[in-house]
Amino acid sequence: MVFRRDEIVVLLGAGASVEAGIPDSHQMVSQVEDRVKSGEGPWQSYRDLYFLLRSSVYYGDGLDGTFGDDVSYNIERLAGRG
């Protein structure tokens, strides 16, 4: 994609996307987890990887003294961006 000098780019945060009907970060993780746990279709092959990534987030936070519900686990962290 090429932008010209006179074009405007608008970036919207989570508030705008939720208003547009897009799930928030926690809802996205919940949907992924539901699909992985159901073991249906193509999601079955990602089950072990998903649990490894989730465990890694909780383990890493535990090393810093953060446990249980205090762990910030969302789609950004699952994707390795947060």
Protein backbone atom coordinates (compact mmCIF):
# COMPACT_ATOMS: atom_id res chain seq x y z
CA MET A 1 0.00 0.00 0.00
CA VAL A 2 1.31 3.43 -0.93
CA PHE A 3 0.16 6.63 0.78
CA ARG A 4 0.24 10.01 -0.87
CA ARG A 5 1.17 13.15 1.05
CA ASP A 6 -2.39 14.44 1.18
CA GLU A 7 -3.94 11.26 2.60
CA ILE A 8 -5.04 10.97 6.21
CA VAL A 9 -4.61 7.82 8.26
CA VAL A 10 -6.90 7.35 11.25
CA LEU A 11 -5.89 4.93 14.00
CA LEU A 12 -8.60 3.72 16.34
CA GLY A 13 -8.15 2.11 19.72
CA ALA A 14 -10.05 -0.66 21.46
CA GLY A 15 -12.98 1.56 22.38
CA ALA A 16 -13.81 2.20 18.76
CA SER A 17 -13.35 -1.40 17.68
CA VAL A 18 -15.60 -2.71 20.47
CA GLU A 19 -18.28 -0.22 19.47
CA ALA A 20 -18.00 -1.64 15.94
CA GLY A 21 -18.74 -5.14 17.27
CA ILE A 22 -15.17 -6.44 17.33
CA PRO A 23 -14.38 -8.45 20.48
CA ASP A 24 -12.09 -6.85 23.04
CA SER A 25 -8.74 -8.42 23.87
CA HIS A 26 -10.04 -10.66 26.65
CA GLN A 27 -12.98 -11.83 24.53
CA MET A 28 -10.56 -12.74 21.71
CA VAL A 29 -8.50 -14.90 24.07
CA SER A 30 -11.67 -16.52 25.38
CA GLN A 31 -12.80 -17.36 21.84
CA VAL A 32 -9.41 -18.84 20.95
CA GLU A 33 -9.37 -20.86 24.17
CA ASP A 34 -12.90 -22.17 23.62
CA ARG A 35 -11.98 -23.34 20.13
CA VAL A 36 -8.73 -24.93 21.25
CA LYS A 37 -10.40 -26.74 24.14
CA SER A 38 -13.24 -28.00 21.94
CA GLY A 39 -10.68 -29.86 19.84
CA GLU A 40 -12.76 -29.40 16.72
CA GLY A 41 -11.46 -28.82 13.23
CA PRO A 42 -8.13 -27.12 12.61
CA TRP A 43 -7.94 -25.76 16.17
CA GLN A 44 -7.07 -29.22 17.51
CA SER A 45 -3.55 -29.01 16.08
CA TYR A 46 -2.88 -25.78 18.02
CA ARG A 47 -3.92 -27.10 21.45
CA ASP A 48 -0.44 -27.87 22.79
CA LEU A 49 1.04 -24.68 21.36
CA TYR A 50 -1.73 -22.58 22.92
CA PHE A 51 -1.23 -24.15 26.35
CA LEU A 52 2.53 -23.66 26.07
CA LEU A 53 2.13 -19.97 25.25
CA ARG A 54 -0.42 -19.42 28.01
CA SER A 55 1.77 -21.24 30.54
CA SER A 56 4.76 -19.14 29.48
CA VAL A 57 2.92 -15.90 30.19
CA TYR A 58 1.86 -17.07 33.65
CA TYR A 59 5.29 -18.52 34.40
CA GLY A 60 7.09 -15.33 33.37
CA ASP A 61 4.82 -13.17 35.50
CA GLY A 62 5.27 -15.60 38.41
CA LEU A 63 9.01 -15.04 38.24
CA ASP A 64 8.26 -11.36 38.81
CA GLY A 65 5.94 -12.13 41.75
CA THR A 66 2.63 -11.79 39.89
CA PHE A 67 0.20 -14.68 40.26
CA GLY A 68 -3.36 -15.82 39.52
CA ASP A 69 -5.88 -13.15 38.62
CA ASP A 70 -3.17 -10.48 38.79
CA VAL A 71 -1.58 -11.84 35.60
CA SER A 72 -2.49 -9.67 32.64
CA TYR A 73 -3.33 -12.27 30.02
CA ASN A 74 -4.83 -10.93 26.80
CA ILE A 75 -4.52 -11.28 23.04
CA GLU A 76 -1.48 -8.99 22.93
CA ARG A 77 0.43 -11.17 25.39
CA LEU A 78 -0.72 -14.34 23.66
CA ALA A 79 0.61 -12.99 20.38
CA GLY A 80 3.86 -11.94 22.08
CA ARG A 81 3.29 -8.21 21.75
CA GLY A 82 2.59 -7.16 25.33
